[in-house]
């Protein structure tokens, strides 16, 4: 079912305030302390360092995520998920027919520079 679009906003007040960058998944582990099935991902953002993210990407086997380039928001406040502090939000899209919150990662169509800004 389609929903109405949200009101129009300016770039400067929204996307312009977010630091969205490209990273590469270098470690994937099941995160048993998360309230729902999740992975703990370690993502390399080049000169911005490695950051940990806990996300609901378990529809992918770990080997499918390992080495993949992903898009992450670096300037959200860290969030405690189970026993882990999730330092970056990896962007994803809801998987049709999957449990609420289960997602697939957003990836570039081509390899690009780690830490590259998304605009």
Protein backbone atom coordinates (compact mmCIF):
# COMPACT_ATOMS: atom_id res chain seq x y z
CA UNK A 1 0.00 0.00 0.00
CA UNK A 2 1.46 3.37 -0.99
CA UNK A 3 1.70 6.11 1.59
CA UNK A 4 1.69 9.84 1.08
CA UNK A 5 5.00 11.57 0.51
CA UNK A 6 6.31 13.72 3.34
CA UNK A 7 6.44 17.50 2.99
CA UNK A 8 9.20 19.11 0.91
CA UNK A 9 12.36 20.07 2.82
CA UNK A 10 15.61 21.80 1.93
CA UNK A 11 18.90 20.00 1.37
CA UNK A 12 20.65 22.18 3.96
CA UNK A 13 18.13 21.29 6.68
CA UNK A 14 18.20 17.56 5.99
CA UNK A 15 20.73 15.65 3.88
CA UNK A 16 23.21 18.51 4.15
CA UNK A 17 23.42 17.93 7.93
CA UNK A 18 24.23 14.24 7.63
CA UNK A 19 27.71 12.81 7.08
CA UNK A 20 26.91 9.86 4.80
CA UNK A 21 29.95 7.97 3.52
CA UNK A 22 31.00 4.78 1.78
CA UNK A 23 32.61 1.98 3.74
CA UNK A 24 33.58 -1.66 3.34
CA UNK A 25 32.45 -4.46 5.66
CA UNK A 26 35.60 -6.07 7.09
CA UNK A 27 34.02 -8.23 9.83
CA UNK A 28 30.59 -9.83 10.26
CA UNK A 29 29.45 -11.62 13.41
CA UNK A 30 26.08 -12.67 14.78
CA UNK A 31 25.25 -10.34 17.69
CA UNK A 32 23.59 -12.57 20.32
CA UNK A 33 22.86 -9.71 22.76
CA UNK A 34 20.66 -7.79 20.28
CA UNK A 35 16.91 -7.99 21.00
CA UNK A 36 16.22 -9.28 17.45
CA UNK A 37 18.39 -11.32 15.08
CA UNK A 38 21.22 -8.99 14.04
CA UNK A 39 24.81 -8.85 12.87
CA UNK A 40 27.64 -6.82 14.35
CA UNK A 41 29.46 -5.35 11.36
CA UNK A 42 32.87 -3.70 11.47
CA UNK A 43 33.05 -1.25 8.58
CA UNK A 44 36.17 0.48 7.24
CA UNK A 45 35.49 4.08 6.19
CA UNK A 46 39.04 4.78 4.99
CA UNK A 47 40.49 7.95 6.59
CA UNK A 48 37.41 8.08 8.88
CA UNK A 49 38.40 4.82 10.53
CA UNK A 50 36.63 1.60 11.36
CA UNK A 51 33.24 1.74 13.03
CA UNK A 52 30.92 -0.89 14.50
CA UNK A 53 27.28 -1.18 13.48
CA UNK A 54 24.59 -3.56 14.68
CA UNK A 55 22.00 -4.15 11.99
CA UNK A 56 19.24 -6.49 10.91
CA UNK A 57 20.84 -7.77 7.71
CA UNK A 58 20.55 -11.46 8.65
CA UNK A 59 18.75 -12.34 5.41
CA UNK A 60 22.26 -12.32 3.95
CA UNK A 61 24.76 -14.99 4.96
CA UNK A 62 27.82 -13.37 6.62
CA UNK A 63 30.09 -14.23 3.68
CA UNK A 64 27.83 -12.28 1.33
CA UNK A 65 28.29 -9.10 3.39
CA UNK A 66 32.01 -9.50 4.04
CA UNK A 67 33.96 -7.26 1.66
CA UNK A 68 30.86 -5.48 0.38
CA UNK A 69 30.79 -1.71 0.10
CA UNK A 70 27.97 -0.14 2.13
CA UNK A 71 26.58 3.32 2.87
CA UNK A 72 26.61 4.61 6.44
CA UNK A 73 25.63 7.70 8.43
CA UNK A 74 28.67 8.64 10.53
CA UNK A 75 27.30 11.53 12.57
CA UNK A 76 24.31 10.00 14.36
CA UNK A 77 24.70 9.55 18.11
CA UNK A 78 25.96 6.07 19.04
CA UNK A 79 23.16 3.72 20.06
CA UNK A 80 23.30 0.89 22.55
CA UNK A 81 21.96 -2.35 21.04
CA UNK A 82 22.24 -5.23 23.45
CA UNK A 83 25.79 -5.25 24.81
CA UNK A 84 27.26 -3.36 21.83
CA UNK A 85 27.48 0.35 21.06
CA UNK A 86 26.48 0.80 17.43
CA UNK A 87 28.58 3.73 16.17
CA UNK A 88 27.26 4.09 12.63
CA UNK A 89 23.91 3.49 10.91
CA UNK A 90 24.35 1.32 7.83
CA UNK A 91 21.58 2.21 5.39
CA UNK A 92 19.30 -0.49 4.07
CA UNK A 93 15.94 -1.18 2.49
CA UNK A 94 13.19 -3.35 3.97
CA UNK A 95 13.11 -6.84 2.48
CA UNK A 96 9.63 -7.58 1.06
CA UNK A 97 7.85 -10.27 3.06
CA UNK A 98 10.54 -10.33 5.77
CA UNK A 99 10.06 -9.51 9.44
CA UNK A 100 9.72 -5.81 10.21
CA UNK A 101 13.14 -4.17 10.22
CA UNK A 102 14.88 -6.94 8.28
CA UNK A 103 16.81 -5.19 5.52
CA UNK A 104 19.25 -5.51 2.66
CA UNK A 105 22.19 -3.09 2.54
CA UNK A 106 22.46 -0.17 0.13
CA UNK A 107 25.53 -0.54 -2.07
CA UNK A 108 27.02 1.46 -4.95
CA UNK A 109 26.66 0.17 -8.51
CA UNK A 110 30.48 0.42 -8.83
CA UNK A 111 33.41 0.20 -6.44
CA UNK A 112 34.23 3.65 -5.10
CA UNK A 113 36.71 5.25 -2.68
CA UNK A 114 36.27 4.31 0.98
CA UNK A 115 35.13 7.33 2.96
CA UNK A 116 33.68 8.94 -0.17
CA UNK A 117 30.82 11.33 0.60
CA UNK A 118 27.33 10.34 -0.52
CA UNK A 119 25.34 13.20 -2.05
